[in-house]
Amino acid sequence: MKIATKALYPAGLAGLLLLNACAGQSTGQATSWYASHDGVAPRPDRIYVCHGFGCTYTTPVNFSARDLNRLKRILAAGSRSPEAERKAIANAVAWNEKRVAPEVGSANDIGGLDLHNAGVRGQMDCIDEATNTASLLLVAEKHGYLKYHSVSGPVARGFFLDGRYPHATATVKEKKTGEVFAIDSWPKANGEKPVVQDLNVWMAG
């Protein structure tokens, strides 16, 4: 995936502010993320897809009974173990990105740091991606599709002074062990599987 690092300076103050927005930490439940990041919490059959960077735009997408059944089947494939469920979660996120793309205009969303697309409908920064992934997972949790994990709040790393770009990700917590895992779709283009890894590893990345 191409990383447009040189776009940082042409983007100017607006670009810096967008990156700084990615440094916002979430506390408490996943639903607390939305109020502080201009997102809209999902309903059991609807998500509000953030795009344009920093949730500049939100597009409601309704899930039909067929969509929900599809999501259920994808996640049921991971019922053997927590590790298998995390793989299934990655498949569900990839499916969801393809599912919403025609309504959102995000089929060509570019993965990774790509500041020249700030404000462009259908393009997503880390705030958009973390919000959208959390929304999908909250829908799945609401319907009882997750066996081994609960949905925890998105978190962030980096703040320039430590030499790293600010970046946020959705997370899930394994119920038995309490271990938290990053579900990070930002580095990948639309419809590709997200990066799934132990949150401590992700934080050190």
N, C-alpha and C. Protein backbone atom coordinates (compact mmCIF):
# COMPACT_ATOMS: atom_id res chain seq x y z
N MET A 1 0.83 -1.19 0.00
CA MET A 1 0.00 0.00 0.00
C MET A 1 0.87 1.24 0.00
N LYS A 2 0.59 2.20 -0.88
CA LYS A 2 1.40 3.40 -0.95
C LYS A 2 1.14 4.30 0.25
N ILE A 3 2.20 4.81 0.83
CA ILE A 3 2.09 5.72 1.96
C ILE A 3 2.55 7.09 1.50
N ALA A 4 1.62 8.04 1.44
CA ALA A 4 1.94 9.36 0.89
C ALA A 4 2.50 10.27 1.97
N THR A 5 3.70 9.94 2.47
CA THR A 5 4.26 10.70 3.59
C THR A 5 4.57 12.13 3.19
N LYS A 6 4.96 12.39 1.96
CA LYS A 6 5.31 13.74 1.57
C LYS A 6 4.10 14.66 1.50
N ALA A 7 2.90 14.07 1.60
CA ALA A 7 1.69 14.90 1.58
C ALA A 7 1.50 15.65 2.89
N LEU A 8 2.26 15.29 3.92
CA LEU A 8 2.11 15.94 5.23
C LEU A 8 2.32 17.44 5.13
N TYR A 9 3.33 17.89 4.43
CA TYR A 9 3.64 19.31 4.39
C TYR A 9 2.72 20.10 3.46
N PRO A 10 2.41 19.60 2.24
CA PRO A 10 1.44 20.34 1.44
C PRO A 10 0.09 20.47 2.10
N ALA A 11 -0.27 19.50 2.94
CA ALA A 11 -1.59 19.54 3.57
C ALA A 11 -1.68 20.68 4.58
N GLY A 12 -0.53 21.14 5.10
CA GLY A 12 -0.52 22.28 6.00
C GLY A 12 -1.23 22.01 7.31
N LEU A 13 -1.76 23.08 7.87
CA LEU A 13 -2.38 22.99 9.19
C LEU A 13 -3.55 22.04 9.20
N ALA A 14 -4.33 22.04 8.12
CA ALA A 14 -5.49 21.15 8.08
C ALA A 14 -5.06 19.69 8.21
N GLY A 15 -3.97 19.35 7.51
CA GLY A 15 -3.48 17.98 7.60
C GLY A 15 -3.00 17.64 8.98
N LEU A 16 -2.31 18.57 9.62
CA LEU A 16 -1.82 18.33 10.97
C LEU A 16 -2.97 18.13 11.94
N LEU A 17 -4.01 18.93 11.78
CA LEU A 17 -5.16 18.79 12.66
C LEU A 17 -5.84 17.45 12.47
N LEU A 18 -5.91 16.99 11.21
CA LEU A 18 -6.52 15.70 10.96
C LEU A 18 -5.72 14.58 11.60
N LEU A 19 -4.41 14.67 11.52
CA LEU A 19 -3.59 13.64 12.14
C LEU A 19 -3.69 13.70 13.65
N ASN A 20 -3.72 14.91 14.20
CA ASN A 20 -3.85 15.03 15.64
C ASN A 20 -5.16 14.45 16.13
N ALA A 21 -6.21 14.53 15.29
CA ALA A 21 -7.50 13.95 15.68
C ALA A 21 -7.37 12.46 15.91
N CYS A 22 -6.43 11.81 15.20
CA CYS A 22 -6.24 10.39 15.35
C CYS A 22 -5.63 10.02 16.69
N ALA A 23 -5.15 11.01 17.42
CA ALA A 23 -4.50 10.73 18.69
C ALA A 23 -5.48 10.67 19.85
N GLY A 24 -6.77 10.93 19.60
CA GLY A 24 -7.74 10.92 20.68
C GLY A 24 -7.96 9.54 21.25
N GLN A 25 -7.79 9.40 22.54
CA GLN A 25 -7.99 8.11 23.20
C GLN A 25 -9.45 7.95 23.59
N SER A 26 -9.92 6.72 23.53
CA SER A 26 -11.27 6.42 23.98
C SER A 26 -11.21 5.79 25.37
N THR A 27 -12.15 6.13 26.20
CA THR A 27 -12.23 5.52 27.52
C THR A 27 -13.59 4.87 27.67
N GLY A 28 -13.65 3.83 28.51
CA GLY A 28 -14.92 3.18 28.77
C GLY A 28 -15.37 2.32 27.61
N GLN A 29 -16.68 2.25 27.40
CA GLN A 29 -17.26 1.39 26.39
C GLN A 29 -17.05 1.96 24.99
N ALA A 30 -17.21 1.10 23.99
CA ALA A 30 -17.01 1.51 22.60
C ALA A 30 -17.94 2.65 22.21
N THR A 31 -19.15 2.67 22.78
CA THR A 31 -20.11 3.69 22.39
C THR A 31 -19.68 5.10 22.80
N SER A 32 -18.76 5.21 23.77
CA SER A 32 -18.31 6.54 24.19
C SER A 32 -17.45 7.22 23.13
N TRP A 33 -16.97 6.47 22.17
CA TRP A 33 -16.11 6.99 21.10
C TRP A 33 -16.85 7.99 20.22
N TYR A 34 -18.13 7.74 19.96
CA TYR A 34 -18.85 8.48 18.92
C TYR A 34 -19.03 9.96 19.26
N ALA A 35 -19.37 10.26 20.50
CA ALA A 35 -19.63 11.65 20.87
C ALA A 35 -18.40 12.52 20.70
N SER A 36 -17.21 11.97 20.93
CA SER A 36 -15.99 12.76 20.86
C SER A 36 -15.33 12.75 19.48
N HIS A 37 -15.90 12.01 18.52
CA HIS A 37 -15.29 11.93 17.20
C HIS A 37 -16.29 12.17 16.07
N ASP A 38 -17.38 12.87 16.38
CA ASP A 38 -18.38 13.26 15.37
C ASP A 38 -19.01 12.09 14.64
N GLY A 39 -18.99 10.93 15.27
CA GLY A 39 -19.64 9.77 14.67
C GLY A 39 -21.05 9.59 15.22
N VAL A 40 -21.76 8.64 14.64
CA VAL A 40 -23.11 8.30 15.09
C VAL A 40 -23.11 6.82 15.44
N ALA A 41 -23.52 6.50 16.65
CA ALA A 41 -23.53 5.10 17.09
C ALA A 41 -24.50 4.29 16.24
N PRO A 42 -24.17 3.04 15.99
CA PRO A 42 -25.02 2.21 15.13
C PRO A 42 -26.31 1.79 15.81
N ARG A 43 -27.27 1.44 14.98
CA ARG A 43 -28.49 0.78 15.44
C ARG A 43 -28.35 -0.71 15.13
N PRO A 44 -29.24 -1.54 15.61
CA PRO A 44 -29.11 -2.98 15.33
C PRO A 44 -29.12 -3.33 13.85
N ASP A 45 -29.76 -2.50 13.04
CA ASP A 45 -29.84 -2.80 11.60
C ASP A 45 -29.33 -1.65 10.74
N ARG A 46 -28.54 -0.76 11.33
CA ARG A 46 -28.03 0.38 10.55
C ARG A 46 -26.70 0.85 11.13
N ILE A 47 -25.76 1.15 10.23
CA ILE A 47 -24.53 1.81 10.65
C ILE A 47 -24.43 3.14 9.91
N TYR A 48 -23.72 4.06 10.51
CA TYR A 48 -23.49 5.37 9.92
C TYR A 48 -22.02 5.44 9.54
N VAL A 49 -21.76 5.27 8.25
CA VAL A 49 -20.39 5.13 7.77
C VAL A 49 -19.71 6.49 7.70
N CYS A 50 -18.59 6.62 8.42
CA CYS A 50 -17.79 7.84 8.39
C CYS A 50 -16.86 7.84 7.19
N HIS A 51 -16.71 9.01 6.55
CA HIS A 51 -15.74 9.14 5.47
C HIS A 51 -15.41 10.61 5.29
N GLY A 52 -14.43 10.88 4.43
CA GLY A 52 -14.00 12.25 4.21
C GLY A 52 -12.95 12.73 5.19
N PHE A 53 -12.50 11.83 6.11
CA PHE A 53 -11.50 12.11 7.15
C PHE A 53 -12.16 12.78 8.36
N GLY A 54 -11.95 12.19 9.52
CA GLY A 54 -12.50 12.73 10.75
C GLY A 54 -14.00 12.75 10.81
N CYS A 55 -14.65 11.81 10.13
CA CYS A 55 -16.13 11.76 10.07
C CYS A 55 -16.71 13.06 9.53
N THR A 56 -16.05 13.63 8.52
CA THR A 56 -16.60 14.83 7.87
C THR A 56 -17.98 14.53 7.31
N TYR A 57 -18.16 13.35 6.76
CA TYR A 57 -19.44 12.91 6.23
C TYR A 57 -19.85 11.62 6.94
N THR A 58 -21.15 11.46 7.16
CA THR A 58 -21.69 10.19 7.66
C THR A 58 -22.83 9.77 6.76
N THR A 59 -22.75 8.54 6.27
CA THR A 59 -23.77 8.01 5.37
C THR A 59 -24.44 6.82 6.04
N PRO A 60 -25.76 6.89 6.27
CA PRO A 60 -26.45 5.75 6.88
C PRO A 60 -26.58 4.60 5.87
N VAL A 61 -26.29 3.41 6.34
CA VAL A 61 -26.44 2.21 5.52
C VAL A 61 -27.26 1.20 6.31
N ASN A 62 -28.39 0.81 5.77
CA ASN A 62 -29.26 -0.14 6.43
C ASN A 62 -28.86 -1.57 6.09
N PHE A 63 -28.88 -2.44 7.09
CA PHE A 63 -28.62 -3.85 6.88
C PHE A 63 -29.96 -4.59 6.77
N SER A 64 -30.14 -5.28 5.68
CA SER A 64 -31.33 -6.10 5.49
C SER A 64 -31.18 -7.39 6.28
N ALA A 65 -32.25 -8.16 6.35
CA ALA A 65 -32.17 -9.47 7.00
C ALA A 65 -31.13 -10.34 6.30
N ARG A 66 -31.02 -10.20 4.98
CA ARG A 66 -30.02 -10.96 4.23
C ARG A 66 -28.61 -10.54 4.63
N ASP A 67 -28.39 -9.23 4.80
CA ASP A 67 -27.08 -8.74 5.23
C ASP A 67 -26.71 -9.29 6.60
N LEU A 68 -27.65 -9.24 7.52
CA LEU A 68 -27.39 -9.71 8.88
C LEU A 68 -27.11 -11.22 8.90
N ASN A 69 -27.83 -11.96 8.07
CA ASN A 69 -27.58 -13.39 7.98
C ASN A 69 -26.19 -13.66 7.41
N ARG A 70 -25.79 -12.85 6.45
CA ARG A 70 -24.46 -12.99 5.87
C ARG A 70 -23.39 -12.71 6.93
N LEU A 71 -23.58 -11.64 7.69
CA LEU A 71 -22.64 -11.31 8.77
C LEU A 71 -22.58 -12.44 9.80
N LYS A 72 -23.72 -12.98 10.14
CA LYS A 72 -23.79 -14.07 11.11
C LYS A 72 -23.01 -15.29 10.62
N ARG A 73 -23.17 -15.63 9.33
CA ARG A 73 -22.48 -16.80 8.78
C ARG A 73 -20.97 -16.59 8.76
N ILE A 74 -20.55 -15.38 8.41
CA ILE A 74 -19.11 -15.11 8.37
C ILE A 74 -18.50 -15.29 9.75
N LEU A 75 -19.15 -14.75 10.77
CA LEU A 75 -18.61 -14.85 12.13
C LEU A 75 -18.77 -16.23 12.73
N ALA A 76 -19.80 -16.96 12.31
CA ALA A 76 -20.00 -18.33 12.80
C ALA A 76 -18.87 -19.25 12.35
N ALA A 77 -18.19 -18.88 11.28
CA ALA A 77 -17.06 -19.69 10.80
C ALA A 77 -15.91 -19.66 11.79
N GLY A 78 -15.94 -18.73 12.74
CA GLY A 78 -14.89 -18.64 13.74
C GLY A 78 -15.28 -19.20 15.09
N SER A 79 -16.29 -20.06 15.13
CA SER A 79 -16.83 -20.52 16.41
C SER A 79 -15.95 -21.55 17.12
N ARG A 80 -14.88 -22.01 16.46
CA ARG A 80 -14.05 -23.07 17.05
C ARG A 80 -13.16 -22.56 18.18
N SER A 81 -12.71 -21.30 18.07
CA SER A 81 -11.74 -20.79 19.05
C SER A 81 -11.67 -19.28 18.96
N PRO A 82 -11.09 -18.62 19.96
CA PRO A 82 -10.92 -17.17 19.88
C PRO A 82 -10.07 -16.76 18.68
N GLU A 83 -9.02 -17.53 18.40
CA GLU A 83 -8.17 -17.20 17.26
C GLU A 83 -8.95 -17.28 15.96
N ALA A 84 -9.78 -18.32 15.84
CA ALA A 84 -10.60 -18.46 14.64
C ALA A 84 -11.62 -17.33 14.53
N GLU A 85 -12.16 -16.90 15.67
CA GLU A 85 -13.12 -15.82 15.62
C GLU A 85 -12.47 -14.51 15.19
N ARG A 86 -11.22 -14.28 15.59
CA ARG A 86 -10.55 -13.06 15.16
C ARG A 86 -10.32 -13.07 13.65
N LYS A 87 -10.03 -14.22 13.10
CA LYS A 87 -9.91 -14.34 11.64
C LYS A 87 -11.26 -14.07 10.97
N ALA A 88 -12.31 -14.57 11.59
CA ALA A 88 -13.65 -14.34 11.06
C ALA A 88 -14.03 -12.86 11.14
N ILE A 89 -13.61 -12.20 12.21
CA ILE A 89 -13.86 -10.76 12.35
C ILE A 89 -13.18 -10.01 11.21
N ALA A 90 -11.95 -10.40 10.88
CA ALA A 90 -11.26 -9.76 9.76
C ALA A 90 -12.04 -9.96 8.46
N ASN A 91 -12.57 -11.15 8.26
CA ASN A 91 -13.37 -11.41 7.06
C ASN A 91 -14.64 -10.58 7.05
N ALA A 92 -15.24 -10.41 8.23
CA ALA A 92 -16.47 -9.62 8.33
C ALA A 92 -16.21 -8.15 8.00
N VAL A 93 -15.10 -7.61 8.47
CA VAL A 93 -14.76 -6.22 8.18
C VAL A 93 -14.54 -6.03 6.68
N ALA A 94 -13.83 -6.96 6.05
CA ALA A 94 -13.60 -6.88 4.60
C ALA A 94 -14.93 -6.95 3.85
N TRP A 95 -15.80 -7.87 4.28
CA TRP A 95 -17.12 -7.97 3.64
C TRP A 95 -17.90 -6.68 3.78
N ASN A 96 -17.90 -6.11 4.99
CA ASN A 96 -18.67 -4.89 5.24
C ASN A 96 -18.20 -3.74 4.37
N GLU A 97 -16.89 -3.60 4.20
CA GLU A 97 -16.38 -2.51 3.38
C GLU A 97 -16.86 -2.63 1.94
N LYS A 98 -16.91 -3.85 1.43
CA LYS A 98 -17.44 -4.05 0.08
C LYS A 98 -18.95 -3.82 0.05
N ARG A 99 -19.63 -4.22 1.12
CA ARG A 99 -21.09 -4.09 1.18
C ARG A 99 -21.52 -2.62 1.14
N VAL A 100 -20.84 -1.77 1.90
CA VAL A 100 -21.28 -0.37 2.00
C VAL A 100 -20.73 0.51 0.88
N ALA A 101 -19.72 0.04 0.17
CA ALA A 101 -19.03 0.87 -0.82
C ALA A 101 -19.94 1.50 -1.86
N PRO A 102 -20.91 0.77 -2.44
CA PRO A 102 -21.76 1.40 -3.45
C PRO A 102 -22.59 2.57 -2.92
N GLU A 103 -23.00 2.51 -1.66
CA GLU A 103 -23.81 3.57 -1.08
C GLU A 103 -22.96 4.74 -0.57
N VAL A 104 -21.75 4.44 -0.14
CA VAL A 104 -20.87 5.46 0.44
C VAL A 104 -19.97 6.09 -0.62
N GLY A 105 -19.69 5.33 -1.68
CA GLY A 105 -18.73 5.80 -2.68
C GLY A 105 -17.30 5.55 -2.28
N SER A 106 -17.09 4.46 -1.52
CA SER A 106 -15.77 4.19 -0.93
C SER A 106 -15.04 3.03 -1.59
N ALA A 107 -15.48 2.59 -2.74
CA ALA A 107 -14.86 1.43 -3.39
C ALA A 107 -13.38 1.66 -3.67
N ASN A 108 -12.99 2.90 -3.89
CA ASN A 108 -11.59 3.22 -4.20
C ASN A 108 -10.85 3.84 -3.02
N ASP A 109 -11.34 3.62 -1.81
CA ASP A 109 -10.65 4.15 -0.64
C ASP A 109 -9.23 3.61 -0.58
N ILE A 110 -8.27 4.49 -0.39
CA ILE A 110 -6.86 4.14 -0.36
C ILE A 110 -6.42 3.86 1.07
N GLY A 111 -5.65 2.81 1.25
CA GLY A 111 -5.17 2.48 2.59
C GLY A 111 -3.96 3.30 2.98
N GLY A 112 -3.78 3.51 4.28
CA GLY A 112 -2.61 4.18 4.79
C GLY A 112 -2.68 5.69 4.73
N LEU A 113 -1.55 6.33 5.04
CA LEU A 113 -1.46 7.79 5.12
C LEU A 113 -1.56 8.40 3.74
N ASP A 114 -2.61 9.18 3.51
CA ASP A 114 -2.90 9.69 2.17
C ASP A 114 -3.61 11.04 2.31
N LEU A 115 -2.90 12.02 2.86
CA LEU A 115 -3.53 13.27 3.27
C LEU A 115 -4.09 14.10 2.13
N HIS A 116 -3.62 13.89 0.92
CA HIS A 116 -4.17 14.71 -0.18
C HIS A 116 -5.63 14.37 -0.46
N ASN A 117 -6.13 13.27 0.12
CA ASN A 117 -7.54 12.91 -0.03
C ASN A 117 -8.40 13.39 1.13
N ALA A 118 -7.84 14.20 2.02
CA ALA A 118 -8.63 14.74 3.12
C ALA A 118 -9.81 15.53 2.58
N GLY A 119 -11.00 15.25 3.09
CA GLY A 119 -12.20 15.95 2.66
C GLY A 119 -12.88 15.34 1.45
N VAL A 120 -12.27 14.32 0.86
CA VAL A 120 -12.84 13.67 -0.32
C VAL A 120 -13.83 12.61 0.12
N ARG A 121 -15.04 12.69 -0.37
CA ARG A 121 -16.06 11.68 -0.04
C ARG A 121 -15.58 10.29 -0.45
N GLY A 122 -15.80 9.33 0.43
CA GLY A 122 -15.42 7.95 0.15
C GLY A 122 -14.02 7.59 0.58
N GLN A 123 -13.17 8.60 0.86
CA GLN A 123 -11.83 8.33 1.37
C GLN A 123 -11.86 8.40 2.90
N MET A 124 -11.06 7.56 3.54
CA MET A 124 -11.16 7.41 5.00
C MET A 124 -9.81 7.50 5.68
N ASP A 125 -9.75 8.25 6.78
CA ASP A 125 -8.56 8.27 7.63
C ASP A 125 -8.76 7.27 8.76
N CYS A 126 -7.85 7.30 9.75
CA CYS A 126 -7.92 6.31 10.82
C CYS A 126 -9.15 6.50 11.71
N ILE A 127 -9.61 7.74 11.87
CA ILE A 127 -10.82 7.97 12.66
C ILE A 127 -12.03 7.36 11.98
N ASP A 128 -12.16 7.58 10.68
CA ASP A 128 -13.25 6.97 9.93
C ASP A 128 -13.21 5.44 10.05
N GLU A 129 -12.03 4.87 9.80
CA GLU A 129 -11.89 3.42 9.79
C GLU A 129 -12.17 2.82 11.17
N ALA A 130 -11.62 3.43 12.21
CA ALA A 130 -11.84 2.91 13.56
C ALA A 130 -13.32 2.97 13.92
N THR A 131 -13.97 4.05 13.53
CA THR A 131 -15.40 4.23 13.83
C THR A 131 -16.24 3.21 13.08
N ASN A 132 -15.97 3.04 11.79
CA ASN A 132 -16.76 2.12 10.98
C ASN A 132 -16.60 0.67 11.42
N THR A 133 -15.36 0.29 11.75
CA THR A 133 -15.13 -1.07 12.21
C THR A 133 -15.82 -1.30 13.55
N ALA A 134 -15.71 -0.34 14.46
CA ALA A 134 -16.39 -0.45 15.75
C ALA A 134 -17.90 -0.57 15.56
N SER A 135 -18.46 0.18 14.63
CA SER A 135 -19.90 0.13 14.38
C SER A 135 -20.34 -1.25 13.91
N LEU A 136 -19.59 -1.82 12.97
CA LEU A 136 -19.93 -3.16 12.50
C LEU A 136 -19.88 -4.17 13.64
N LEU A 137 -18.83 -4.08 14.44
CA LEU A 137 -18.67 -5.04 15.52
C LEU A 137 -19.73 -4.87 16.60
N LEU A 138 -20.16 -3.65 16.84
CA LEU A 138 -21.25 -3.43 17.80
C LEU A 138 -22.56 -4.02 17.31
N VAL A 139 -22.80 -3.93 16.01
CA VAL A 139 -24.00 -4.58 15.43
C VAL A 139 -23.91 -6.09 15.64
N ALA A 140 -22.74 -6.65 15.35
CA ALA A 140 -22.56 -8.09 15.52
C ALA A 140 -22.76 -8.49 16.98
N GLU A 141 -22.22 -7.70 17.89
CA GLU A 141 -22.37 -7.99 19.32
C GLU A 141 -23.83 -7.90 19.74
N LYS A 142 -24.52 -6.89 19.26
CA LYS A 142 -25.93 -6.70 19.61
C LYS A 142 -26.77 -7.91 19.23
N HIS A 143 -26.43 -8.53 18.09
CA HIS A 143 -27.19 -9.68 17.61
C HIS A 143 -26.67 -11.01 18.15
N GLY A 144 -25.64 -10.96 18.98
CA GLY A 144 -25.12 -12.19 19.56
C GLY A 144 -24.24 -13.00 18.64
N TYR A 145 -23.63 -12.36 17.65
CA TYR A 145 -22.81 -13.08 16.68
C TYR A 145 -21.38 -13.31 17.15
N LEU A 146 -20.96 -12.65 18.22
CA LEU A 146 -19.61 -12.82 18.73
C LEU A 146 -19.64 -13.77 19.93
N LYS A 147 -18.86 -14.82 19.86
CA LYS A 147 -18.85 -15.85 20.91
C LYS A 147 -17.74 -15.62 21.93
N TYR A 148 -16.56 -15.25 21.46
CA TYR A 148 -15.38 -15.19 22.32
C TYR A 148 -14.92 -13.77 22.66
N HIS A 149 -15.49 -12.78 22.01
CA HIS A 149 -15.01 -11.41 22.20
C HIS A 149 -16.14 -10.44 22.48
N SER A 150 -15.79 -9.38 23.21
CA SER A 150 -16.69 -8.23 23.35
C SER A 150 -16.03 -7.05 22.65
N VAL A 151 -16.84 -6.05 22.32
CA VAL A 151 -16.32 -4.89 21.60
C VAL A 151 -15.86 -3.85 22.61
N SER A 152 -14.61 -3.48 22.54
CA SER A 152 -14.05 -2.46 23.42
C SER A 152 -13.83 -1.18 22.62
N GLY A 153 -13.55 -0.08 23.32
CA GLY A 153 -13.44 1.21 22.66
C GLY A 153 -12.21 1.33 21.79
N PRO A 154 -12.32 2.07 20.67
CA PRO A 154 -11.13 2.36 19.86
C PRO A 154 -10.07 3.08 20.70
N VAL A 155 -8.81 2.86 20.34
CA VAL A 155 -7.69 3.49 21.03
C VAL A 155 -6.75 4.09 20.00
N ALA A 156 -5.77 4.88 20.50
CA ALA A 156 -4.85 5.56 19.59
C ALA A 156 -3.43 5.48 20.09
N ARG A 157 -2.51 5.71 19.18
CA ARG A 157 -1.08 5.75 19.50
C ARG A 157 -0.44 6.90 18.73
N GLY A 158 0.73 7.36 19.21
CA GLY A 158 1.50 8.35 18.48
C GLY A 158 0.96 9.77 18.65
N PHE A 159 1.89 10.75 18.74
CA PHE A 159 1.47 12.14 18.83
C PHE A 159 2.58 13.07 18.34
N PHE A 160 3.31 12.63 17.28
CA PHE A 160 4.40 13.41 16.67
C PHE A 160 5.62 13.55 17.57
N LEU A 161 5.44 14.00 18.82
CA LEU A 161 6.59 14.22 19.69
C LEU A 161 7.34 12.92 19.98
N ASP A 162 6.66 11.80 19.88
CA ASP A 162 7.35 10.53 20.09
C ASP A 162 7.83 9.94 18.77
N GLY A 163 7.78 10.74 17.71
CA GLY A 163 8.30 10.31 16.42
C GLY A 163 7.37 9.44 15.61
N ARG A 164 6.09 9.37 16.02
CA ARG A 164 5.14 8.52 15.30
C ARG A 164 3.92 9.34 14.89
N TYR A 165 3.36 8.98 13.74
CA TYR A 165 2.13 9.61 13.31
C TYR A 165 0.99 9.15 14.22
N PRO A 166 0.09 10.05 14.61
CA PRO A 166 -1.09 9.64 15.37
C PRO A 166 -1.92 8.64 14.55
N HIS A 167 -2.44 7.65 15.22
CA HIS A 167 -3.18 6.60 14.53
C HIS A 167 -4.14 5.93 15.50
N ALA A 168 -5.35 5.62 15.05
CA ALA A 168 -6.38 4.99 15.88
C ALA A 168 -6.83 3.67 15.28
N THR A 169 -7.37 2.81 16.13
CA THR A 169 -7.88 1.52 15.68
C THR A 169 -9.06 1.07 16.53
N ALA A 170 -9.95 0.29 15.93
CA ALA A 170 -10.99 -0.40 16.69
C ALA A 170 -10.36 -1.55 17.45
N THR A 171 -11.02 -2.01 18.50
CA THR A 171 -10.48 -3.12 19.30
C THR A 171 -11.59 -4.07 19.74
N VAL A 172 -11.18 -5.29 20.06
CA VAL A 172 -12.06 -6.26 20.71
C VAL A 172 -11.31 -6.86 21.88
N LYS A 173 -12.06 -7.32 22.88
CA LYS A 173 -11.46 -7.93 24.06
C LYS A 173 -11.89 -9.40 24.15
N GLU A 174 -10.90 -10.28 24.29
CA GLU A 174 -11.22 -11.68 24.47
C GLU A 174 -11.85 -11.87 25.85
N LYS A 175 -13.02 -12.48 25.89
CA LYS A 175 -13.79 -12.57 27.12
C LYS A 175 -13.08 -13.37 28.21
N LYS A 176 -12.45 -14.46 27.86
CA LYS A 176 -11.86 -15.34 28.86
C LYS A 176 -10.58 -14.76 29.46
N THR A 177 -9.73 -14.21 28.62
CA THR A 177 -8.42 -13.75 29.08
C THR A 177 -8.34 -12.26 29.36
N GLY A 178 -9.27 -11.49 28.79
CA GLY A 178 -9.21 -10.04 28.93
C GLY A 178 -8.22 -9.39 27.99
N GLU A 179 -7.57 -10.18 27.14
CA GLU A 179 -6.60 -9.66 26.19
C GLU A 179 -7.30 -8.84 25.11
N VAL A 180 -6.72 -7.69 24.78
CA VAL A 180 -7.33 -6.78 23.80
C VAL A 180 -6.57 -6.88 22.48
N PHE A 181 -7.31 -6.85 21.38
CA PHE A 181 -6.73 -6.97 20.05
C PHE A 181 -7.15 -5.79 19.18
N ALA A 182 -6.21 -5.27 18.44
CA ALA A 182 -6.49 -4.22 17.46
C ALA A 182 -7.11 -4.84 16.22
N ILE A 183 -8.15 -4.19 15.71
CA ILE A 183 -8.75 -4.56 14.43
C ILE A 183 -8.57 -3.33 13.54
N ASP A 184 -7.46 -3.26 12.84
CA ASP A 184 -7.01 -2.04 12.19
C ASP A 184 -7.17 -2.12 10.67
N SER A 185 -8.22 -1.50 10.16
CA SER A 185 -8.48 -1.53 8.72
C SER A 185 -7.85 -0.37 7.96
N TRP A 186 -7.31 0.62 8.67
CA TRP A 186 -6.76 1.81 8.02
C TRP A 186 -5.60 1.54 7.07
N PRO A 187 -4.66 0.62 7.39
CA PRO A 187 -3.54 0.42 6.46
C PRO A 187 -3.94 -0.22 5.14
N LYS A 188 -5.14 -0.78 5.06
CA LYS A 188 -5.56 -1.55 3.90
C LYS A 188 -6.57 -0.78 3.05
N ALA A 189 -6.55 -1.07 1.76
CA ALA A 189 -7.53 -0.47 0.85
C ALA A 189 -8.90 -1.08 1.09
N ASN A 190 -9.92 -0.46 0.51
CA ASN A 190 -11.29 -0.92 0.70
C ASN A 190 -11.44 -2.40 0.36
N GLY A 191 -12.09 -3.14 1.27
CA GLY A 191 -12.40 -4.53 1.02
C GLY A 191 -11.30 -5.51 1.33
N GLU A 192 -10.14 -5.02 1.79
CA GLU A 192 -9.06 -5.92 2.19
C GLU A 192 -9.18 -6.22 3.69
N LYS A 193 -8.66 -7.37 4.10
CA LYS A 193 -8.74 -7.75 5.50
C LYS A 193 -7.91 -6.80 6.36
N PRO A 194 -8.43 -6.41 7.51
CA PRO A 194 -7.68 -5.52 8.41
C PRO A 194 -6.52 -6.24 9.09
N VAL A 195 -5.62 -5.45 9.66
CA VAL A 195 -4.56 -5.99 10.50
C VAL A 195 -5.15 -6.34 11.86
N VAL A 196 -4.96 -7.56 12.30
CA VAL A 196 -5.46 -8.01 13.60
C VAL A 196 -4.26 -8.46 14.42
N GLN A 197 -4.03 -7.80 15.55
CA GLN A 197 -2.89 -8.16 16.39
C GLN A 197 -3.11 -7.73 17.83
N ASP A 198 -2.35 -8.35 18.73
CA ASP A 198 -2.39 -7.99 20.12
C ASP A 198 -2.21 -6.48 20.25
N LEU A 199 -3.01 -5.84 21.09
CA LEU A 199 -2.97 -4.40 21.19
C LEU A 199 -1.61 -3.88 21.65
N ASN A 200 -0.92 -4.64 22.53
CA ASN A 200 0.40 -4.21 22.98
C ASN A 200 1.38 -4.17 21.82
N VAL A 201 1.27 -5.13 20.92
CA VAL A 201 2.12 -5.15 19.73
C VAL A 201 1.76 -3.97 18.83
N TRP A 202 0.47 -3.74 18.67
CA TRP A 202 0.02 -2.62 17.82
C TRP A 202 0.49 -1.29 18.40
N MET A 203 0.40 -1.13 19.70
CA MET A 203 0.82 0.11 20.34
C MET A 203 2.30 0.39 20.14
N ALA A 204 3.10 -0.67 20.09
CA ALA A 204 4.54 -0.52 19.92
C ALA A 204 4.93 -0.35 18.46
N GLY A 205 3.97 -0.48 17.55
CA GLY A 205 4.26 -0.44 16.12
C GLY A 205 4.54 0.95 15.62
